[in-house]
Amino acid sequence: MLKNSNKVLIIYIIMTLLLIEPVYAINCDGILTPGAYQMLQDAINIIRIAVPILLIVLGSVDLGSVVISQDKDAMPKAVGKLVKRCICAVAIFFVPLIVKTILNMPGIKGNVNLVDDPLCGIE
């Protein structure tokens, strides 16, 4: 077993080595082919359309079934489920922003240089 000070020293050395990595210039053309870029952009557009539709349909089904059943205890559960789905739907729309923010952080941007756009134009 390593002592705590040895563990801290090993972690410090590993972190130092990770921060000294050379900078790699990466061009977006080397990451995505035009076909892959278009497929990824289409998938994101489909998700942006499908998520609100699913949210409305599933929320209507949940709340409609509670109204039809007239169960007073089921209404707060259905509303809670709808609120959770709304939070997840909003979070899905922020995924590109979160990825862009993470890739623009100083420690990461210094190690991998993706010109100016870390998402390579995918919006």
N, C-alpha and C. Protein backbone atom coordinates (compact mmCIF):
# COMPACT_ATOMS: atom_id res chain seq x y z
N MET A 1 0.83 -1.19 0.00
CA MET A 1 0.00 0.00 0.00
C MET A 1 0.87 1.26 0.00
N LEU A 2 0.49 2.22 -0.81
CA LEU A 2 1.21 3.48 -0.83
C LEU A 2 0.68 4.40 0.26
N LYS A 3 1.58 5.17 0.83
CA LYS A 3 1.14 6.16 1.81
C LYS A 3 0.43 7.29 1.07
N ASN A 4 -0.31 8.06 1.83
CA ASN A 4 -1.05 9.17 1.23
C ASN A 4 -0.14 10.16 0.53
N SER A 5 1.02 10.44 1.10
CA SER A 5 1.93 11.40 0.48
C SER A 5 2.46 10.86 -0.85
N ASN A 6 2.69 9.56 -0.93
CA ASN A 6 3.14 8.96 -2.19
C ASN A 6 2.04 9.02 -3.24
N LYS A 7 0.81 8.79 -2.83
CA LYS A 7 -0.31 8.88 -3.76
C LYS A 7 -0.45 10.29 -4.32
N VAL A 8 -0.33 11.27 -3.44
CA VAL A 8 -0.42 12.66 -3.86
C VAL A 8 0.71 13.01 -4.81
N LEU A 9 1.91 12.53 -4.54
CA LEU A 9 3.06 12.79 -5.40
C LEU A 9 2.86 12.17 -6.78
N ILE A 10 2.37 10.96 -6.83
CA ILE A 10 2.11 10.29 -8.11
C ILE A 10 1.05 11.03 -8.91
N ILE A 11 0.00 11.44 -8.25
CA ILE A 11 -1.07 12.19 -8.93
C ILE A 11 -0.52 13.51 -9.43
N TYR A 12 0.30 14.18 -8.64
CA TYR A 12 0.90 15.45 -9.05
C TYR A 12 1.78 15.26 -10.28
N ILE A 13 2.58 14.22 -10.32
CA ILE A 13 3.46 13.96 -11.46
C ILE A 13 2.64 13.67 -12.71
N ILE A 14 1.60 12.88 -12.57
CA ILE A 14 0.75 12.56 -13.72
C ILE A 14 0.07 13.83 -14.25
N MET A 15 -0.46 14.65 -13.36
CA MET A 15 -1.12 15.88 -13.78
C MET A 15 -0.13 16.83 -14.46
N THR A 16 1.09 16.89 -13.95
CA THR A 16 2.11 17.74 -14.55
C THR A 16 2.45 17.26 -15.96
N LEU A 17 2.57 15.96 -16.13
CA LEU A 17 2.86 15.41 -17.46
C LEU A 17 1.72 15.68 -18.43
N LEU A 18 0.50 15.63 -17.94
CA LEU A 18 -0.64 15.91 -18.81
C LEU A 18 -0.67 17.37 -19.24
N LEU A 19 -0.22 18.27 -18.41
CA LEU A 19 -0.24 19.68 -18.75
C LEU A 19 0.91 20.08 -19.67
N ILE A 20 1.94 19.25 -19.78
CA ILE A 20 3.09 19.57 -20.61
C ILE A 20 2.95 19.00 -22.03
N GLU A 21 1.83 18.39 -22.33
CA GLU A 21 1.64 17.80 -23.66
C GLU A 21 1.85 18.85 -24.75
N PRO A 22 2.37 18.42 -25.89
CA PRO A 22 2.53 19.37 -26.99
C PRO A 22 1.18 19.76 -27.57
N VAL A 23 1.17 20.87 -28.27
CA VAL A 23 -0.05 21.37 -28.90
C VAL A 23 -0.18 20.72 -30.27
N TYR A 24 -1.33 20.13 -30.53
CA TYR A 24 -1.60 19.52 -31.82
C TYR A 24 -2.59 20.39 -32.57
N ALA A 25 -2.22 20.82 -33.75
CA ALA A 25 -3.14 21.60 -34.57
C ALA A 25 -3.99 20.62 -35.37
N ILE A 26 -5.28 20.69 -35.17
CA ILE A 26 -6.19 19.77 -35.85
C ILE A 26 -7.09 20.57 -36.77
N ASN A 27 -7.16 20.14 -37.99
CA ASN A 27 -8.03 20.77 -38.96
C ASN A 27 -9.36 20.02 -39.00
N CYS A 28 -10.45 20.73 -39.12
CA CYS A 28 -11.76 20.09 -39.12
C CYS A 28 -11.93 19.15 -40.31
N ASP A 29 -11.22 19.40 -41.39
CA ASP A 29 -11.32 18.52 -42.55
C ASP A 29 -10.75 17.14 -42.24
N GLY A 30 -9.80 17.06 -41.34
CA GLY A 30 -9.22 15.78 -40.97
C GLY A 30 -10.08 15.00 -40.00
N ILE A 31 -11.03 15.64 -39.36
CA ILE A 31 -11.89 14.97 -38.38
C ILE A 31 -13.14 14.42 -39.05
N LEU A 32 -13.83 15.25 -39.82
CA LEU A 32 -15.10 14.85 -40.43
C LEU A 32 -15.02 14.92 -41.95
N THR A 33 -15.49 13.88 -42.59
CA THR A 33 -15.65 13.94 -44.04
C THR A 33 -16.93 14.73 -44.32
N PRO A 34 -17.09 15.23 -45.53
CA PRO A 34 -18.32 15.97 -45.83
C PRO A 34 -19.59 15.15 -45.59
N GLY A 35 -19.54 13.85 -45.90
CA GLY A 35 -20.70 12.99 -45.66
C GLY A 35 -21.01 12.82 -44.18
N ALA A 36 -19.96 12.65 -43.38
CA ALA A 36 -20.15 12.51 -41.94
C ALA A 36 -20.63 13.81 -41.34
N TYR A 37 -20.12 14.93 -41.82
CA TYR A 37 -20.55 16.24 -41.34
C TYR A 37 -22.04 16.43 -41.60
N GLN A 38 -22.47 16.11 -42.83
CA GLN A 38 -23.88 16.28 -43.19
C GLN A 38 -24.77 15.33 -42.39
N MET A 39 -24.32 14.09 -42.18
CA MET A 39 -25.10 13.13 -41.41
C MET A 39 -25.25 13.59 -39.95
N LEU A 40 -24.18 14.11 -39.38
CA LEU A 40 -24.22 14.60 -38.00
C LEU A 40 -25.13 15.83 -37.89
N GLN A 41 -25.03 16.73 -38.85
CA GLN A 41 -25.90 17.91 -38.85
C GLN A 41 -27.37 17.52 -39.00
N ASP A 42 -27.66 16.55 -39.87
CA ASP A 42 -29.04 16.07 -40.03
C ASP A 42 -29.57 15.41 -38.77
N ALA A 43 -28.72 14.64 -38.09
CA ALA A 43 -29.14 13.99 -36.85
C ALA A 43 -29.47 15.03 -35.78
N ILE A 44 -28.65 16.06 -35.68
CA ILE A 44 -28.92 17.11 -34.70
C ILE A 44 -30.21 17.85 -35.03
N ASN A 45 -30.46 18.10 -36.31
CA ASN A 45 -31.71 18.77 -36.71
C ASN A 45 -32.92 17.91 -36.41
N ILE A 46 -32.82 16.59 -36.64
CA ILE A 46 -33.93 15.68 -36.34
C ILE A 46 -34.20 15.66 -34.84
N ILE A 47 -33.15 15.62 -34.06
CA ILE A 47 -33.32 15.62 -32.59
C ILE A 47 -33.99 16.92 -32.14
N ARG A 48 -33.62 18.04 -32.73
CA ARG A 48 -34.23 19.33 -32.37
C ARG A 48 -35.71 19.39 -32.71
N ILE A 49 -36.14 18.63 -33.69
CA ILE A 49 -37.56 18.59 -34.04
C ILE A 49 -38.28 17.53 -33.23
N ALA A 50 -37.65 16.37 -33.03
CA ALA A 50 -38.32 15.24 -32.38
C ALA A 50 -38.50 15.45 -30.88
N VAL A 51 -37.56 16.10 -30.22
CA VAL A 51 -37.63 16.25 -28.76
C VAL A 51 -38.87 17.04 -28.34
N PRO A 52 -39.17 18.21 -28.93
CA PRO A 52 -40.39 18.90 -28.51
C PRO A 52 -41.67 18.13 -28.85
N ILE A 53 -41.67 17.44 -29.99
CA ILE A 53 -42.85 16.64 -30.35
C ILE A 53 -43.06 15.53 -29.34
N LEU A 54 -42.00 14.81 -29.00
CA LEU A 54 -42.11 13.74 -27.99
C LEU A 54 -42.53 14.30 -26.63
N LEU A 55 -42.01 15.44 -26.29
CA LEU A 55 -42.37 16.07 -25.01
C LEU A 55 -43.86 16.37 -24.96
N ILE A 56 -44.41 16.91 -26.02
CA ILE A 56 -45.84 17.24 -26.06
C ILE A 56 -46.68 15.97 -26.05
N VAL A 57 -46.32 15.00 -26.87
CA VAL A 57 -47.11 13.76 -26.97
C VAL A 57 -47.07 12.99 -25.66
N LEU A 58 -45.89 12.76 -25.11
CA LEU A 58 -45.80 11.98 -23.88
C LEU A 58 -46.42 12.71 -22.69
N GLY A 59 -46.26 14.03 -22.64
CA GLY A 59 -46.89 14.80 -21.58
C GLY A 59 -48.41 14.76 -21.68
N SER A 60 -48.93 14.84 -22.90
CA SER A 60 -50.38 14.75 -23.09
C SER A 60 -50.91 13.38 -22.70
N VAL A 61 -50.19 12.34 -23.06
CA VAL A 61 -50.63 10.98 -22.72
C VAL A 61 -50.63 10.78 -21.21
N ASP A 62 -49.56 11.21 -20.53
CA ASP A 62 -49.48 11.06 -19.08
C ASP A 62 -50.59 11.83 -18.37
N LEU A 63 -50.72 13.11 -18.72
CA LEU A 63 -51.73 13.93 -18.05
C LEU A 63 -53.14 13.50 -18.44
N GLY A 64 -53.33 13.09 -19.68
CA GLY A 64 -54.65 12.61 -20.11
C GLY A 64 -55.06 11.34 -19.38
N SER A 65 -54.13 10.43 -19.20
CA SER A 65 -54.47 9.19 -18.49
C SER A 65 -54.79 9.46 -17.02
N VAL A 66 -54.14 10.45 -16.43
CA VAL A 66 -54.45 10.80 -15.04
C VAL A 66 -55.83 11.43 -14.94
N VAL A 67 -56.17 12.29 -15.89
CA VAL A 67 -57.49 12.94 -15.87
C VAL A 67 -58.59 11.92 -16.08
N ILE A 68 -58.37 10.98 -16.97
CA ILE A 68 -59.39 9.95 -17.23
C ILE A 68 -59.55 9.03 -16.03
N SER A 69 -58.44 8.69 -15.38
CA SER A 69 -58.52 7.78 -14.24
C SER A 69 -59.07 8.46 -12.99
N GLN A 70 -59.04 9.77 -12.93
CA GLN A 70 -59.52 10.57 -11.80
C GLN A 70 -58.86 10.16 -10.49
N ASP A 71 -57.62 9.79 -10.55
CA ASP A 71 -56.86 9.43 -9.35
C ASP A 71 -56.13 10.68 -8.86
N LYS A 72 -56.46 11.14 -7.67
CA LYS A 72 -55.87 12.37 -7.14
C LYS A 72 -54.39 12.21 -6.80
N ASP A 73 -53.98 11.01 -6.43
CA ASP A 73 -52.58 10.78 -6.08
C ASP A 73 -51.68 10.70 -7.31
N ALA A 74 -52.25 10.39 -8.46
CA ALA A 74 -51.44 10.22 -9.67
C ALA A 74 -51.10 11.56 -10.33
N MET A 75 -51.87 12.60 -10.06
CA MET A 75 -51.63 13.90 -10.70
C MET A 75 -50.26 14.49 -10.33
N PRO A 76 -49.87 14.54 -9.04
CA PRO A 76 -48.53 15.08 -8.75
C PRO A 76 -47.41 14.25 -9.37
N LYS A 77 -47.58 12.94 -9.45
CA LYS A 77 -46.56 12.09 -10.08
C LYS A 77 -46.44 12.42 -11.56
N ALA A 78 -47.58 12.59 -12.23
CA ALA A 78 -47.56 12.89 -13.66
C ALA A 78 -46.96 14.26 -13.92
N VAL A 79 -47.28 15.23 -13.09
CA VAL A 79 -46.72 16.57 -13.25
C VAL A 79 -45.21 16.55 -12.99
N GLY A 80 -44.79 15.80 -11.97
CA GLY A 80 -43.35 15.66 -11.70
C GLY A 80 -42.62 15.02 -12.86
N LYS A 81 -43.24 14.01 -13.46
CA LYS A 81 -42.63 13.34 -14.62
C LYS A 81 -42.53 14.31 -15.80
N LEU A 82 -43.57 15.13 -15.99
CA LEU A 82 -43.56 16.11 -17.07
C LEU A 82 -42.48 17.16 -16.85
N VAL A 83 -42.31 17.61 -15.61
CA VAL A 83 -41.27 18.60 -15.31
C VAL A 83 -39.89 18.01 -15.58
N LYS A 84 -39.66 16.76 -15.19
CA LYS A 84 -38.37 16.11 -15.46
C LYS A 84 -38.11 16.00 -16.95
N ARG A 85 -39.15 15.67 -17.69
CA ARG A 85 -38.99 15.57 -19.16
C ARG A 85 -38.68 16.93 -19.76
N CYS A 86 -39.31 17.99 -19.24
CA CYS A 86 -39.02 19.34 -19.75
C CYS A 86 -37.57 19.73 -19.47
N ILE A 87 -37.09 19.40 -18.29
CA ILE A 87 -35.70 19.71 -17.94
C ILE A 87 -34.74 18.96 -18.87
N CYS A 88 -35.04 17.69 -19.12
CA CYS A 88 -34.19 16.89 -20.04
C CYS A 88 -34.24 17.45 -21.45
N ALA A 89 -35.42 17.88 -21.90
CA ALA A 89 -35.54 18.44 -23.24
C ALA A 89 -34.74 19.72 -23.38
N VAL A 90 -34.80 20.57 -22.38
CA VAL A 90 -34.02 21.81 -22.43
C VAL A 90 -32.53 21.49 -22.38
N ALA A 91 -32.14 20.51 -21.58
CA ALA A 91 -30.73 20.13 -21.48
C ALA A 91 -30.19 19.61 -22.81
N ILE A 92 -31.02 18.90 -23.56
CA ILE A 92 -30.59 18.38 -24.87
C ILE A 92 -30.23 19.52 -25.81
N PHE A 93 -30.97 20.63 -25.73
CA PHE A 93 -30.68 21.76 -26.61
C PHE A 93 -29.39 22.48 -26.21
N PHE A 94 -28.94 22.30 -24.97
CA PHE A 94 -27.72 22.95 -24.53
C PHE A 94 -26.48 22.09 -24.69
N VAL A 95 -26.60 20.88 -25.21
CA VAL A 95 -25.43 19.99 -25.37
C VAL A 95 -24.36 20.63 -26.27
N PRO A 96 -24.70 21.19 -27.44
CA PRO A 96 -23.63 21.81 -28.25
C PRO A 96 -22.94 22.97 -27.52
N LEU A 97 -23.70 23.76 -26.78
CA LEU A 97 -23.11 24.86 -26.03
C LEU A 97 -22.18 24.35 -24.94
N ILE A 98 -22.58 23.29 -24.26
CA ILE A 98 -21.75 22.71 -23.21
C ILE A 98 -20.46 22.15 -23.80
N VAL A 99 -20.56 21.44 -24.92
CA VAL A 99 -19.37 20.88 -25.57
C VAL A 99 -18.44 21.99 -26.03
N LYS A 100 -19.00 23.04 -26.61
CA LYS A 100 -18.19 24.16 -27.08
C LYS A 100 -17.49 24.84 -25.91
N THR A 101 -18.20 25.00 -24.80
CA THR A 101 -17.61 25.63 -23.62
C THR A 101 -16.47 24.79 -23.05
N ILE A 102 -16.68 23.48 -22.98
CA ILE A 102 -15.64 22.59 -22.45
C ILE A 102 -14.41 22.60 -23.36
N LEU A 103 -14.62 22.57 -24.67
CA LEU A 103 -13.49 22.54 -25.59
C LEU A 103 -12.77 23.88 -25.68
N ASN A 104 -13.41 24.96 -25.23
CA ASN A 104 -12.75 26.27 -25.23
C ASN A 104 -12.09 26.60 -23.90
N MET A 105 -12.13 25.68 -22.95
CA MET A 105 -11.48 25.92 -21.66
C MET A 105 -9.97 26.03 -21.87
N PRO A 106 -9.31 26.86 -21.09
CA PRO A 106 -7.87 27.10 -21.32
C PRO A 106 -7.00 25.84 -21.31
N GLY A 107 -7.23 24.92 -20.40
CA GLY A 107 -6.40 23.73 -20.33
C GLY A 107 -6.59 22.81 -21.52
N ILE A 108 -7.81 22.76 -22.04
CA ILE A 108 -8.10 21.88 -23.17
C ILE A 108 -7.76 22.57 -24.48
N LYS A 109 -8.10 23.85 -24.61
CA LYS A 109 -7.80 24.58 -25.84
C LYS A 109 -6.31 24.67 -26.09
N GLY A 110 -5.49 24.67 -25.03
CA GLY A 110 -4.05 24.72 -25.20
C GLY A 110 -3.48 23.41 -25.73
N ASN A 111 -4.14 22.28 -25.43
CA ASN A 111 -3.63 20.98 -25.87
C ASN A 111 -4.08 20.62 -27.27
N VAL A 112 -5.28 21.00 -27.63
CA VAL A 112 -5.82 20.68 -28.95
C VAL A 112 -6.30 21.96 -29.58
N ASN A 113 -5.73 22.33 -30.70
CA ASN A 113 -6.08 23.57 -31.37
C ASN A 113 -6.99 23.27 -32.55
N LEU A 114 -8.26 23.57 -32.41
CA LEU A 114 -9.23 23.34 -33.48
C LEU A 114 -9.55 24.66 -34.17
N VAL A 115 -8.57 25.37 -34.56
CA VAL A 115 -8.69 26.66 -35.19
C VAL A 115 -9.53 27.56 -34.27
N ASP A 116 -10.71 27.98 -34.68
CA ASP A 116 -11.53 28.84 -33.83
C ASP A 116 -12.82 28.16 -33.40
N ASP A 117 -13.28 27.16 -34.12
CA ASP A 117 -14.57 26.53 -33.84
C ASP A 117 -14.35 25.08 -33.41
N PRO A 118 -14.54 24.77 -32.13
CA PRO A 118 -14.31 23.39 -31.69
C PRO A 118 -15.35 22.40 -32.19
N LEU A 119 -16.50 22.89 -32.65
CA LEU A 119 -17.53 21.99 -33.17
C LEU A 119 -17.46 21.86 -34.68
N CYS A 120 -16.46 22.45 -35.30
CA CYS A 120 -16.24 22.37 -36.74
C CYS A 120 -17.45 22.81 -37.56
N GLY A 121 -18.15 23.83 -37.08
CA GLY A 121 -19.27 24.37 -37.84
C GLY A 121 -20.59 23.67 -37.64
N ILE A 122 -20.65 22.66 -36.81
CA ILE A 122 -21.90 21.97 -36.56
C ILE A 122 -22.70 22.77 -35.54
N GLU A 123 -23.88 23.16 -35.90
CA GLU A 123 -24.73 23.96 -35.00
C GLU A 123 -26.04 23.26 -34.79
